[in-house]
Structures are given as structure tokens and as C-alpha cells.
Amino acid sequence: MNSIRKALREGELEKDTYERVTCAECEKPLKTTNDPDSIATIRTCPDCGREWKEIR
């Protein structure tokens, strides 16, 4: 699982006009899963199911 920053640099993710992070393949905004016991937030594409982590 890559980080959001690394995925943006590699072209896996893109930012839209409103700075929302979207999947480059599906062009859909990512969903957020927030685990209070973890330092990272998991961002998931609703269509393809790929996941990325975002450090808070």
C-alpha cells in the first residue's frame, strides 16, 4: 500500500479542481476509512478497490 504523496507523484492519483484526490484509472473521488487506533487514514477507490494510506 503506497502513501497518497507517492501515488500522486507516480500518477496513480490525481487532484481535481477542488483539490480532492481522485483515482487516475476510475476518475472517482476516494472514500476515507479512519481507524482511531492507527496513525494513518486509509483512502480507498470505490470502483477498483485500491487503497492508499495518508499519515495524519
PDB file of N, CA and C in Angstrom:
ATOM      1  N   MET A   1       0.851  -1.168   0.000  1.00  0.00           N
ATOM      2  CA  MET A   1       0.000   0.000   0.000  1.00  0.00           C
ATOM      3  C   MET A   1       0.904   1.240   0.000  1.00  0.00           C
ATOM      4  N   ASN A   2       0.789   2.045  -1.038  1.00  0.00           N
ATOM      5  CA  ASN A   2       1.565   3.274  -1.160  1.00  0.00           C
ATOM      6  C   ASN A   2       0.922   4.401  -0.372  1.00  0.00           C
ATOM      7  N   SER A   3       1.700   5.447  -0.136  1.00  0.00           N
ATOM      8  CA  SER A   3       1.151   6.633   0.500  1.00  0.00           C
ATOM      9  C   SER A   3       0.492   7.512  -0.564  1.00  0.00           C
ATOM     10  N   ILE A   4      -0.325   8.442  -0.134  1.00  0.00           N
ATOM     11  CA  ILE A   4      -1.014   9.363  -1.037  1.00  0.00           C
ATOM     12  C   ILE A   4       0.011  10.186  -1.818  1.00  0.00           C
ATOM     13  N   ARG A   5       1.032  10.702  -1.138  1.00  0.00           N
ATOM     14  CA  ARG A   5       2.043  11.530  -1.796  1.00  0.00           C
ATOM     15  C   ARG A   5       2.780  10.771  -2.899  1.00  0.00           C
ATOM     16  N   LYS A   6       3.189   9.545  -2.590  1.00  0.00           N
ATOM     17  CA  LYS A   6       3.912   8.741  -3.568  1.00  0.00           C
ATOM     18  C   LYS A   6       3.016   8.422  -4.766  1.00  0.00           C
ATOM     19  N   ALA A   7       1.765   8.111  -4.515  1.00  0.00           N
ATOM     20  CA  ALA A   7       0.829   7.799  -5.590  1.00  0.00           C
ATOM     21  C   ALA A   7       0.564   9.020  -6.479  1.00  0.00           C
ATOM     22  N   LEU A   8       0.522  10.212  -5.893  1.00  0.00           N
ATOM     23  CA  LEU A   8       0.350  11.429  -6.681  1.00  0.00           C
ATOM     24  C   LEU A   8       1.556  11.646  -7.596  1.00  0.00           C
ATOM     25  N   ARG A   9       2.773  11.421  -7.077  1.00  0.00           N
ATOM     26  CA  ARG A   9       3.982  11.576  -7.892  1.00  0.00           C
ATOM     27  C   ARG A   9       4.049  10.559  -9.012  1.00  0.00           C
ATOM     28  N   GLU A  10       3.592   9.319  -8.756  1.00  0.00           N
ATOM     29  CA  GLU A  10       3.671   8.255  -9.747  1.00  0.00           C
ATOM     30  C   GLU A  10       2.506   8.267 -10.739  1.00  0.00           C
ATOM     31  N   GLY A  11       1.516   9.122 -10.516  1.00  0.00           N
ATOM     32  CA  GLY A  11       0.398   9.228 -11.438  1.00  0.00           C
ATOM     33  C   GLY A  11      -0.756   8.279 -11.159  1.00  0.00           C
ATOM     34  N   GLU A  12      -0.719   7.555 -10.028  1.00  0.00           N
ATOM     35  CA  GLU A  12      -1.821   6.662  -9.667  1.00  0.00           C
ATOM     36  C   GLU A  12      -3.040   7.466  -9.216  1.00  0.00           C
ATOM     37  N   LEU A  13      -2.788   8.623  -8.625  1.00  0.00           N
ATOM     38  CA  LEU A  13      -3.850   9.503  -8.136  1.00  0.00           C
ATOM     39  C   LEU A  13      -3.694  10.878  -8.761  1.00  0.00           C
ATOM     40  N   GLU A  14      -4.799  11.622  -8.805  1.00  0.00           N
ATOM     41  CA  GLU A  14      -4.797  12.983  -9.307  1.00  0.00           C
ATOM     42  C   GLU A  14      -5.618  13.848  -8.367  1.00  0.00           C
ATOM     43  N   LYS A  15      -5.399  15.159  -8.443  1.00  0.00           N
ATOM     44  CA  LYS A  15      -6.233  16.098  -7.705  1.00  0.00           C
ATOM     45  C   LYS A  15      -7.125  16.818  -8.698  1.00  0.00           C
ATOM     46  N   ASP A  16      -8.408  16.966  -8.330  1.00  0.00           N
ATOM     47  CA  ASP A  16      -9.324  17.666  -9.226  1.00  0.00           C
ATOM     48  C   ASP A  16      -9.288  19.160  -8.945  1.00  0.00           C
ATOM     49  N   THR A  17     -10.176  19.891  -9.561  1.00  0.00           N
ATOM     50  CA  THR A  17     -10.186  21.348  -9.432  1.00  0.00           C
ATOM     51  C   THR A  17     -10.403  21.833  -7.998  1.00  0.00           C
ATOM     52  N   TYR A  18     -11.067  21.031  -7.197  1.00  0.00           N
ATOM     53  CA  TYR A  18     -11.340  21.412  -5.815  1.00  0.00           C
ATOM     54  C   TYR A  18     -10.360  20.770  -4.839  1.00  0.00           C
ATOM     55  N   GLU A  19      -9.197  20.286  -5.349  1.00  0.00           N
ATOM     56  CA  GLU A  19      -8.139  19.666  -4.542  1.00  0.00           C
ATOM     57  C   GLU A  19      -8.557  18.354  -3.894  1.00  0.00           C
ATOM     58  N   ARG A  20      -9.614  17.707  -4.420  1.00  0.00           N
ATOM     59  CA  ARG A  20      -9.994  16.378  -3.948  1.00  0.00           C
ATOM     60  C   ARG A  20      -9.117  15.363  -4.647  1.00  0.00           C
ATOM     61  N   VAL A  21      -8.716  14.329  -3.928  1.00  0.00           N
ATOM     62  CA  VAL A  21      -7.875  13.284  -4.502  1.00  0.00           C
ATOM     63  C   VAL A  21      -8.775  12.269  -5.201  1.00  0.00           C
ATOM     64  N   THR A  22      -8.452  11.975  -6.472  1.00  0.00           N
ATOM     65  CA  THR A  22      -9.238  11.037  -7.263  1.00  0.00           C
ATOM     66  C   THR A  22      -8.334   9.947  -7.831  1.00  0.00           C
ATOM     67  N   CYS A  23      -8.912   8.793  -8.083  1.00  0.00           N
ATOM     68  CA  CYS A  23      -8.200   7.672  -8.699  1.00  0.00           C
ATOM     69  C   CYS A  23      -7.969   8.015 -10.171  1.00  0.00           C
ATOM     70  N   ALA A  24      -6.741   7.827 -10.668  1.00  0.00           N
ATOM     71  CA  ALA A  24      -6.427   8.154 -12.059  1.00  0.00           C
ATOM     72  C   ALA A  24      -7.121   7.203 -13.028  1.00  0.00           C
ATOM     73  N   GLU A  25      -7.296   5.947 -12.652  1.00  0.00           N
ATOM     74  CA  GLU A  25      -7.947   4.965 -13.526  1.00  0.00           C
ATOM     75  C   GLU A  25      -9.452   5.193 -13.620  1.00  0.00           C
ATOM     76  N   CYS A  26     -10.109   5.315 -12.479  1.00  0.00           N
ATOM     77  CA  CYS A  26     -11.583   5.384 -12.433  1.00  0.00           C
ATOM     78  C   CYS A  26     -12.120   6.811 -12.468  1.00  0.00           C
ATOM     79  N   GLU A  27     -11.271   7.788 -12.127  1.00  0.00           N
ATOM     80  CA  GLU A  27     -11.655   9.196 -12.037  1.00  0.00           C
ATOM     81  C   GLU A  27     -12.761   9.432 -11.016  1.00  0.00           C
ATOM     82  N   LYS A  28     -12.749   8.644  -9.934  1.00  0.00           N
ATOM     83  CA  LYS A  28     -13.724   8.788  -8.849  1.00  0.00           C
ATOM     84  C   LYS A  28     -13.012   9.305  -7.598  1.00  0.00           C
ATOM     85  N   PRO A  29     -13.671  10.144  -6.782  1.00  0.00           N
ATOM     86  CA  PRO A  29     -13.085  10.588  -5.509  1.00  0.00           C
ATOM     87  C   PRO A  29     -12.910   9.410  -4.558  1.00  0.00           C
ATOM     88  N   LEU A  30     -11.872   9.466  -3.750  1.00  0.00           N
ATOM     89  CA  LEU A  30     -11.573   8.381  -2.820  1.00  0.00           C
ATOM     90  C   LEU A  30     -12.445   8.458  -1.578  1.00  0.00           C
ATOM     91  N   LYS A  31     -12.779   7.298  -1.032  1.00  0.00           N
ATOM     92  CA  LYS A  31     -13.509   7.194   0.239  1.00  0.00           C
ATOM     93  C   LYS A  31     -12.479   7.114   1.369  1.00  0.00           C
ATOM     94  N   THR A  32     -12.855   7.551   2.557  1.00  0.00           N
ATOM     95  CA  THR A  32     -11.950   7.584   3.698  1.00  0.00           C
ATOM     96  C   THR A  32     -12.401   6.611   4.773  1.00  0.00           C
ATOM     97  N   THR A  33     -11.446   5.832   5.294  1.00  0.00           N
ATOM     98  CA  THR A  33     -11.676   4.964   6.437  1.00  0.00           C
ATOM     99  C   THR A  33     -10.727   5.408   7.533  1.00  0.00           C
ATOM    100  N   ASN A  34     -11.269   5.843   8.657  1.00  0.00           N
ATOM    101  CA  ASN A  34     -10.467   6.397   9.727  1.00  0.00           C
ATOM    102  C   ASN A  34     -10.494   5.465  10.933  1.00  0.00           C
ATOM    103  N   ASP A  35      -9.346   4.858  11.252  1.00  0.00           N
ATOM    104  CA  ASP A  35      -9.216   3.994  12.419  1.00  0.00           C
ATOM    105  C   ASP A  35      -8.599   4.819  13.557  1.00  0.00           C
ATOM    106  N   PRO A  36      -9.306   5.027  14.660  1.00  0.00           N
ATOM    107  CA  PRO A  36      -8.787   5.874  15.739  1.00  0.00           C
ATOM    108  C   PRO A  36      -7.536   5.308  16.413  1.00  0.00           C
ATOM    109  N   ASP A  37      -7.290   4.011  16.301  1.00  0.00           N
ATOM    110  CA  ASP A  37      -6.112   3.416  16.926  1.00  0.00           C
ATOM    111  C   ASP A  37      -4.883   3.471  16.031  1.00  0.00           C
ATOM    112  N   SER A  38      -5.037   3.901  14.803  1.00  0.00           N
ATOM    113  CA  SER A  38      -3.929   3.935  13.854  1.00  0.00           C
ATOM    114  C   SER A  38      -3.522   5.369  13.557  1.00  0.00           C
ATOM    115  N   ILE A  39      -2.256   5.547  13.193  1.00  0.00           N
ATOM    116  CA  ILE A  39      -1.750   6.875  12.847  1.00  0.00           C
ATOM    117  C   ILE A  39      -2.119   7.257  11.408  1.00  0.00           C
ATOM    118  N   ALA A  40      -2.434   6.274  10.583  1.00  0.00           N
ATOM    119  CA  ALA A  40      -2.734   6.520   9.169  1.00  0.00           C
ATOM    120  C   ALA A  40      -4.227   6.399   8.886  1.00  0.00           C
ATOM    121  N   THR A  41      -4.673   7.175   7.906  1.00  0.00           N
ATOM    122  CA  THR A  41      -6.032   7.086   7.394  1.00  0.00           C
ATOM    123  C   THR A  41      -5.965   6.317   6.076  1.00  0.00           C
ATOM    124  N   ILE A  42      -6.855   5.386   5.881  1.00  0.00           N
ATOM    125  CA  ILE A  42      -6.873   4.591   4.657  1.00  0.00           C
ATOM    126  C   ILE A  42      -7.846   5.223   3.674  1.00  0.00           C
ATOM    127  N   ARG A  43      -7.358   5.524   2.458  1.00  0.00           N
ATOM    128  CA  ARG A  43      -8.185   6.085   1.390  1.00  0.00           C
ATOM    129  C   ARG A  43      -8.390   4.992   0.351  1.00  0.00           C
ATOM    130  N   THR A  44      -9.632   4.739  -0.050  1.00  0.00           N
ATOM    131  CA  THR A  44      -9.985   3.635  -0.940  1.00  0.00           C
ATOM    132  C   THR A  44     -10.775   4.142  -2.133  1.00  0.00           C
ATOM    133  N   CYS A  45     -10.470   3.594  -3.309  1.00  0.00           N
ATOM    134  CA  CYS A  45     -11.256   3.895  -4.512  1.00  0.00           C
ATOM    135  C   CYS A  45     -12.524   3.041  -4.473  1.00  0.00           C
ATOM    136  N   PRO A  46     -13.701   3.641  -4.614  1.00  0.00           N
ATOM    137  CA  PRO A  46     -14.944   2.866  -4.537  1.00  0.00           C
ATOM    138  C   PRO A  46     -15.148   1.917  -5.721  1.00  0.00           C
ATOM    139  N   ASP A  47     -14.553   2.203  -6.875  1.00  0.00           N
ATOM    140  CA  ASP A  47     -14.749   1.354  -8.053  1.00  0.00           C
ATOM    141  C   ASP A  47     -13.757   0.199  -8.122  1.00  0.00           C
ATOM    142  N   CYS A  48     -12.447   0.506  -8.096  1.00  0.00           N
ATOM    143  CA  CYS A  48     -11.450  -0.554  -8.292  1.00  0.00           C
ATOM    144  C   CYS A  48     -10.968  -1.176  -6.984  1.00  0.00           C
ATOM    145  N   GLY A  49     -11.221  -0.534  -5.830  1.00  0.00           N
ATOM    146  CA  GLY A  49     -10.880  -1.114  -4.541  1.00  0.00           C
ATOM    147  C   GLY A  49      -9.434  -0.930  -4.111  1.00  0.00           C
ATOM    148  N   ARG A  50      -8.622  -0.206  -4.885  1.00  0.00           N
ATOM    149  CA  ARG A  50      -7.232   0.028  -4.492  1.00  0.00           C
ATOM    150  C   ARG A  50      -7.185   0.938  -3.276  1.00  0.00           C
ATOM    151  N   GLU A  51      -6.133   0.775  -2.448  1.00  0.00           N
ATOM    152  CA  GLU A  51      -6.031   1.533  -1.198  1.00  0.00           C
ATOM    153  C   GLU A  51      -4.697   2.269  -1.113  1.00  0.00           C
ATOM    154  N   TRP A  52      -4.748   3.419  -0.431  1.00  0.00           N
ATOM    155  CA  TRP A  52      -3.566   4.221  -0.154  1.00  0.00           C
ATOM    156  C   TRP A  52      -3.667   4.698   1.273  1.00  0.00           C
ATOM    157  N   LYS A  53      -2.521   4.959   1.899  1.00  0.00           N
ATOM    158  CA  LYS A  53      -2.551   5.460   3.269  1.00  0.00           C
ATOM    159  C   LYS A  53      -2.152   6.930   3.298  1.00  0.00           C
ATOM    160  N   GLU A  54      -2.735   7.631   4.241  1.00  0.00           N
ATOM    161  CA  GLU A  54      -2.472   9.052   4.422  1.00  0.00           C
ATOM    162  C   GLU A  54      -2.121   9.252   5.892  1.00  0.00           C
ATOM    163  N   ILE A  55      -0.916   9.737   6.141  1.00  0.00           N
ATOM    164  CA  ILE A  55      -0.471   9.981   7.519  1.00  0.00           C
ATOM    165  C   ILE A  55      -1.097  11.273   8.018  1.00  0.00           C
ATOM    166  N   ARG A  56      -1.674  11.231   9.207  1.00  0.00           N
ATOM    167  CA  ARG A  56      -2.311  12.415   9.792  1.00  0.00           C
ATOM    168  C   ARG A  56      -1.299  13.319  10.406  1.00  0.00           C
TER     169      ARG A  56
END
